[in-house]
Amino acid sequence: MDALRISATANGLNYLPEYLADTTGLFRDAGLAVTARACDPWTGVLDDLASGEADLALGGLWVPGMYAGSSRELTVVCQLNHQAPKAIVHRGAPESFTLGDLGGKVVLAPGIGGSAPYAVTAGLIRESGADPDDVTFLRDLSTPMMVELFAAGLGDAIVLDLVTALEVEATGQGRIVFRNLDQGGIMPNSVYYCRTDRVEELRDRFTRFTACIDAAMQRLPETPAETIDEILTARWPGKDLDILREATRQMSASTVWDTVAIDPEGSDRWMRMLHESAMLTRIPGYHELADDSFMKDYR
């Protein structure tokens, strides 16, 4: 068995195909002994790559984007999410809500786990023809803290992962008025990346790993509910199983887990959004970020 070590930025439901590949033996059958850990703080994935403690990092494409052209050379191997499964929960929003309705409002965008909740939302607001500068964003605090403050009356809306959005909606504190799954379009979200200088050393393992993730994505819709429930309860024992099931259903019905292959136009779009939020010094092209050879069989 060949070892492959992953450091992830979180333990997220949007990572379900990886968990399925592990649980059902896909990695084992491909001759891979895959181990993974979630880092807290998430920036530990970069430390683990640098030290060699991890072969792959799992996290947002925005990280390789921000480091493009720097001395920290990173290469994306494949993606785990074809969309960004975020949602906006709003209290008192009109039934005909549009992103332009956030103008003049206070929006909580958790940021201790990264800047994507803000950057994606600001980018989508720009694409809608509205101006994110008309919105007051509260950032840089953790999701649990932001959710608690939202429940206490702070802000008009909050940007959340789908599971937490469903949890907040269930409390009656607000309703989901915007889902990226519906209106956010294609956007490479969570990806696997490595140190560029290790690509050739690990090429065979990365090739088998990518094939396993692809197989898990294809098998997911046909996987028995009992198997999915086992993963959900093992990974998130304190969560409401019905909410986890509903979030899984919604993601499965979208294109989140459609392919391991990054859409080049989707990558360019995400980098443009980041640049518009002053998070990049320049816009790196798709082929600067990714080694296409691992994904070409899945286009």
Protein backbone atom coordinates (compact mmCIF):
# COMPACT_ATOMS: atom_id res chain seq x y z
CA MET A 1 0.00 0.00 0.00
CA ASP A 2 1.23 3.47 -0.86
CA ALA A 3 0.67 6.15 1.77
CA LEU A 4 -1.04 9.44 0.90
CA ARG A 5 -1.51 12.03 3.63
CA ILE A 6 -4.07 14.84 3.41
CA SER A 7 -4.37 17.96 5.54
CA ALA A 8 -7.78 19.58 5.19
CA THR A 9 -8.97 23.03 6.12
CA ALA A 10 -12.14 21.60 7.71
CA ASN A 11 -14.32 18.56 8.29
CA GLY A 12 -17.08 19.53 5.87
CA LEU A 13 -20.11 17.84 4.35
CA ASN A 14 -19.00 19.16 0.96
CA TYR A 15 -16.04 16.75 1.31
CA LEU A 16 -18.41 13.74 1.31
CA PRO A 17 -16.99 11.96 -1.78
CA GLU A 18 -13.60 11.66 -0.06
CA TYR A 19 -15.23 10.20 3.03
CA LEU A 20 -17.22 7.80 0.87
CA ALA A 21 -14.09 6.65 -0.99
CA ASP A 22 -12.46 5.90 2.35
CA THR A 23 -15.47 4.17 3.93
CA THR A 24 -16.27 1.94 0.96
CA GLY A 25 -12.68 0.85 0.31
CA LEU A 26 -12.06 2.66 -2.98
CA PHE A 27 -8.70 3.95 -1.77
CA ARG A 28 -7.72 0.53 -0.42
CA ASP A 29 -8.64 -1.18 -3.67
CA ALA A 30 -6.44 1.31 -5.54
CA GLY A 31 -3.48 0.41 -3.34
CA LEU A 32 -3.62 3.65 -1.36
CA ALA A 33 -3.44 4.04 2.42
CA VAL A 34 -5.06 7.48 2.70
CA THR A 35 -5.01 9.34 5.99
CA ALA A 36 -6.53 12.76 6.53
CA ARG A 37 -6.80 15.31 9.29
CA ALA A 38 -8.60 18.63 9.64
CA CYS A 39 -6.33 21.48 10.72
CA ASP A 40 -7.24 24.08 13.34
CA PRO A 41 -6.35 26.75 12.46
CA TRP A 42 -6.84 25.88 8.81
CA THR A 43 -3.53 27.48 7.82
CA GLY A 44 -1.90 24.37 9.26
CA VAL A 45 -2.39 22.77 5.84
CA LEU A 46 0.33 25.06 4.50
CA ASP A 47 2.66 24.15 7.36
CA ASP A 48 2.03 20.45 6.75
CA LEU A 49 2.80 20.78 3.04
CA ALA A 50 5.97 22.74 3.75
CA SER A 51 7.25 20.23 6.32
CA GLY A 52 6.27 17.17 4.28
CA GLU A 53 3.79 16.02 6.92
CA ALA A 54 1.12 16.14 4.21
CA ASP A 55 1.26 15.23 0.53
CA LEU A 56 -1.98 17.03 -0.34
CA ALA A 57 -3.93 19.93 1.11
CA LEU A 58 -7.70 20.14 0.74
CA GLY A 59 -9.15 23.62 0.72
CA GLY A 60 -10.18 26.58 -1.36
CA LEU A 61 -8.78 27.32 -4.81
CA TRP A 62 -8.34 30.89 -3.60
CA VAL A 63 -5.24 29.83 -1.60
CA PRO A 64 -3.17 28.62 -4.59
CA GLY A 65 -4.52 31.69 -6.39
CA MET A 66 -3.20 34.09 -3.78
CA TYR A 67 0.21 32.40 -3.71
CA ALA A 68 0.59 32.21 -7.50
CA GLY A 69 3.90 33.74 -8.53
CA SER A 70 5.30 33.68 -4.98
CA SER A 71 8.06 31.55 -3.49
CA ARG A 72 5.44 29.15 -2.09
CA GLU A 73 4.77 27.16 -5.25
CA LEU A 74 1.53 25.17 -5.19
CA THR A 75 -0.12 22.99 -7.84
CA VAL A 76 -3.76 21.92 -7.95
CA VAL A 77 -4.31 18.25 -8.72
CA CYS A 78 -8.12 18.08 -8.95
CA GLN A 79 -11.27 19.51 -7.40
CA LEU A 80 -13.75 18.11 -4.93
CA ASN A 81 -16.45 20.76 -5.41
CA HIS A 82 -17.67 22.08 -8.75
CA GLN A 83 -19.72 24.78 -7.00
CA ALA A 84 -19.42 26.80 -3.79
CA PRO A 85 -22.17 25.41 -1.51
CA LYS A 86 -22.83 28.63 0.41
CA ALA A 87 -26.17 30.21 1.24
CA ILE A 88 -27.45 33.54 2.52
CA VAL A 89 -29.87 33.56 5.43
CA HIS A 90 -31.85 36.81 5.78
CA ARG A 91 -34.42 38.01 8.26
CA GLY A 92 -37.29 40.04 6.89
CA ALA A 93 -36.22 39.83 3.26
CA PRO A 94 -38.83 40.27 0.51
CA GLU A 95 -40.10 37.13 -1.22
CA SER A 96 -38.67 38.44 -4.50
CA PHE A 97 -35.19 38.82 -2.97
CA THR A 98 -32.26 39.71 -5.22
CA LEU A 99 -28.66 40.34 -4.26
CA GLY A 100 -29.27 44.03 -4.87
CA ASP A 101 -31.56 43.98 -1.82
CA LEU A 102 -28.46 43.65 0.36
CA GLY A 103 -27.65 47.29 -0.37
CA GLY A 104 -27.82 49.29 2.85
CA LYS A 105 -27.87 46.08 4.93
CA VAL A 106 -25.42 44.58 7.40
CA VAL A 107 -24.19 41.16 6.28
CA LEU A 108 -22.21 38.81 8.49
CA ALA A 109 -19.55 36.93 6.50
CA PRO A 110 -17.55 34.56 8.75
CA GLY A 111 -13.89 34.78 7.92
CA ILE A 112 -11.73 33.02 10.49
CA GLY A 113 -11.75 29.96 8.21
CA GLY A 114 -10.87 32.02 5.14
CA SER A 115 -12.16 34.93 3.08
CA ALA A 116 -14.27 32.96 0.62
CA PRO A 117 -17.70 33.70 2.19
CA TYR A 118 -17.10 37.42 1.71
CA ALA A 119 -15.28 37.23 -1.63
CA VAL A 120 -17.84 34.93 -3.28
CA THR A 121 -20.75 37.05 -2.08
CA ALA A 122 -19.11 40.33 -3.14
CA GLY A 123 -18.29 38.83 -6.53
CA LEU A 124 -21.85 37.63 -7.08
CA ILE A 125 -23.20 41.03 -6.07
CA ARG A 126 -20.95 42.68 -8.70
CA GLU A 127 -22.06 40.18 -11.34
CA SER A 128 -25.70 41.02 -10.54
CA GLY A 129 -25.03 44.66 -11.36
CA ALA A 130 -25.14 45.89 -7.77
CA ASP A 131 -22.26 47.34 -5.74
CA PRO A 132 -20.87 45.41 -2.73
CA ASP A 133 -19.61 48.71 -1.35
CA ASP A 134 -23.26 49.50 -0.61
CA VAL A 135 -23.27 46.57 1.83
CA THR A 136 -21.72 46.68 5.30
CA PHE A 137 -19.87 43.38 5.69
CA LEU A 138 -18.84 42.19 9.16
CA ARG A 139 -15.92 39.78 8.73
CA ASP A 140 -13.04 37.94 10.40
CA LEU A 141 -14.96 36.10 13.13
CA SER A 142 -15.74 32.39 13.35
CA THR A 143 -18.96 30.86 12.07
CA PRO A 144 -20.21 29.78 15.55
CA MET A 145 -19.62 33.28 16.91
CA MET A 146 -21.31 34.93 13.94
CA VAL A 147 -24.31 32.58 14.19
CA GLU A 148 -24.66 33.32 17.90
CA LEU A 149 -24.50 37.06 17.26
CA PHE A 150 -26.99 36.80 14.40
CA ALA A 151 -29.37 35.00 16.76
CA ALA A 152 -28.88 37.84 19.24
CA GLY A 153 -29.99 40.35 16.62
CA LEU A 154 -26.76 41.46 14.94
CA GLY A 155 -26.97 42.06 11.21
CA ASP A 156 -29.63 41.61 8.57
CA ALA A 157 -28.19 38.57 6.80
CA ILE A 158 -25.44 35.99 7.20
CA VAL A 159 -23.41 33.97 4.67
CA LEU A 160 -23.09 30.33 5.72
CA ASP A 161 -22.27 26.83 4.60
CA LEU A 162 -25.40 24.95 3.61
CA VAL A 163 -25.64 22.82 6.77
CA THR A 164 -25.40 25.80 9.10
CA ALA A 165 -27.80 27.80 6.93
CA LEU A 166 -30.39 25.04 7.25
CA GLU A 167 -29.80 24.92 11.00
CA VAL A 168 -30.35 28.67 11.37
CA GLU A 169 -33.44 28.55 9.15
CA ALA A 170 -34.87 25.75 11.30
CA THR A 171 -34.70 28.02 14.35
CA GLY A 172 -36.93 30.58 12.62
CA GLN A 173 -34.32 33.33 12.92
CA GLY A 174 -34.29 33.87 9.17
CA ARG A 175 -34.80 32.11 5.88
CA ILE A 176 -32.49 31.05 3.09
CA VAL A 177 -32.97 33.63 0.34
CA PHE A 178 -30.02 32.74 -1.90
CA ARG A 179 -28.24 29.46 -2.56
CA ASN A 180 -25.08 29.38 -4.63
CA LEU A 181 -26.22 25.95 -5.79
CA ASP A 182 -29.12 27.60 -7.61
CA GLN A 183 -27.79 30.98 -8.70
CA GLY A 184 -24.06 31.00 -8.08
CA GLY A 185 -22.97 29.18 -11.22
CA ILE A 186 -19.91 26.98 -11.69
CA MET A 187 -17.03 27.85 -9.39
CA PRO A 188 -14.17 25.54 -8.33
CA ASN A 189 -14.50 25.56 -4.55
CA SER A 190 -12.59 22.92 -2.60
CA VAL A 191 -9.56 21.51 -4.42
CA TYR A 192 -6.60 19.25 -3.69
CA TYR A 193 -3.22 20.93 -4.04
CA CYS A 194 0.38 20.06 -3.30
CA ARG A 195 3.87 21.48 -3.36
CA THR A 196 4.84 21.90 -6.99
CA ASP A 197 8.22 20.30 -6.39
CA ARG A 198 6.52 17.04 -5.33
CA VAL A 199 4.20 16.56 -8.32
CA GLU A 200 6.46 14.14 -10.21
CA GLU A 201 7.41 12.21 -7.06
CA LEU A 202 3.73 11.59 -6.26
CA ARG A 203 2.28 11.49 -9.78
CA ASP A 204 1.22 7.84 -9.71
CA ARG A 205 -0.45 8.20 -6.29
CA PHE A 206 -2.21 11.40 -7.32
CA THR A 207 -3.48 9.72 -10.50
CA ARG A 208 -4.98 6.82 -8.54
CA PHE A 209 -6.35 9.17 -5.91
CA THR A 210 -8.11 11.34 -8.49
CA ALA A 211 -9.66 8.24 -10.05
CA CYS A 212 -10.96 7.19 -6.62
CA ILE A 213 -12.55 10.59 -5.95
CA ASP A 214 -14.16 10.50 -9.39
CA ALA A 215 -15.50 6.99 -8.74
CA ALA A 216 -16.93 8.09 -5.39
CA MET A 217 -18.70 11.02 -7.05
CA GLN A 218 -20.24 8.72 -9.64
CA ARG A 219 -21.33 6.15 -7.04
CA LEU A 220 -22.71 8.63 -4.55
CA PRO A 221 -26.25 8.83 -6.02
CA GLU A 222 -26.54 5.03 -5.89
CA THR A 223 -25.02 4.58 -2.45
CA PRO A 224 -27.43 3.05 0.09
CA ALA A 225 -28.87 5.59 2.51
CA GLU A 226 -27.60 3.49 5.42
CA THR A 227 -24.01 3.94 4.25
CA ILE A 228 -24.42 7.70 3.94
CA ASP A 229 -26.07 7.86 7.37
CA GLU A 230 -23.14 5.97 8.89
CA ILE A 231 -20.73 8.57 7.51
CA LEU A 232 -22.90 11.48 8.64
CA THR A 233 -23.35 10.23 12.18
CA ALA A 234 -19.68 9.29 12.53
CA ARG A 235 -18.42 12.62 11.21
CA TRP A 236 -20.95 14.91 12.88
CA PRO A 237 -22.35 13.09 15.93
CA GLY A 238 -23.78 16.27 17.46
CA LYS A 239 -25.66 17.40 14.36
CA ASP A 240 -29.31 16.86 13.50
CA LEU A 241 -29.31 13.88 11.11
CA ASP A 242 -32.34 15.14 9.20
CA ILE A 243 -30.60 18.44 8.46
CA LEU A 244 -27.45 16.62 7.36
CA ARG A 245 -29.57 14.41 5.09
CA GLU A 246 -31.33 17.44 3.59
CA ALA A 247 -28.05 19.25 2.94
CA THR A 248 -26.68 16.08 1.32
CA ARG A 249 -29.79 15.82 -0.85
CA GLN A 250 -29.50 19.42 -1.99
CA MET A 251 -25.81 19.08 -2.84
CA SER A 252 -26.39 15.78 -4.62
CA ALA A 253 -29.11 17.42 -6.73
CA SER A 254 -26.72 20.22 -7.75
CA THR A 255 -23.44 20.01 -9.64
CA VAL A 256 -21.21 20.23 -6.52
CA TRP A 257 -19.99 16.66 -6.97
CA ASP A 258 -20.29 16.36 -10.75
CA THR A 259 -16.61 16.11 -11.67
CA VAL A 260 -13.04 16.17 -10.39
CA ALA A 261 -12.08 18.30 -13.40
CA ILE A 262 -11.88 22.04 -12.84
CA ASP A 263 -13.71 24.19 -15.35
CA PRO A 264 -11.09 26.65 -16.67
CA GLU A 265 -13.65 29.41 -17.15
CA GLY A 266 -14.92 28.82 -13.63
CA SER A 267 -11.37 29.12 -12.32
CA ASP A 268 -10.83 32.37 -14.23
CA ARG A 269 -14.13 33.72 -12.91
CA TRP A 270 -13.20 32.96 -9.29
CA MET A 271 -9.77 34.55 -9.71
CA ARG A 272 -11.38 37.63 -11.21
CA MET A 273 -13.68 37.95 -8.20
CA LEU A 274 -10.71 37.67 -5.86
CA HIS A 275 -8.82 40.30 -7.81
CA GLU A 276 -11.81 42.64 -7.64
CA SER A 277 -11.72 42.22 -3.85
CA ALA A 278 -7.99 43.14 -3.84
CA MET A 279 -7.01 39.64 -2.70
CA LEU A 280 -4.66 39.08 -5.66
CA THR A 281 -1.87 41.18 -7.12
CA ARG A 282 -2.77 39.74 -10.54
CA ILE A 283 -5.13 37.17 -12.02
CA PRO A 284 -3.41 33.78 -12.46
CA GLY A 285 -4.59 31.67 -15.37
CA TYR A 286 -5.97 28.17 -14.98
CA HIS A 287 -2.85 26.44 -16.33
CA GLU A 288 -0.69 28.38 -13.90
CA LEU A 289 -2.71 26.99 -11.00
CA ALA A 290 -3.37 23.39 -12.04
CA ASP A 291 -1.62 20.37 -13.51
CA ASP A 292 -4.24 19.43 -16.09
CA SER A 293 -2.86 15.91 -16.61
CA PHE A 294 -4.64 14.55 -13.52
CA MET A 295 -8.03 15.83 -14.69
CA LYS A 296 -7.93 15.40 -18.47
CA ASP A 297 -9.56 11.96 -18.39
CA TYR A 298 -12.63 13.37 -16.64
CA ARG A 299 -13.54 16.29 -18.92
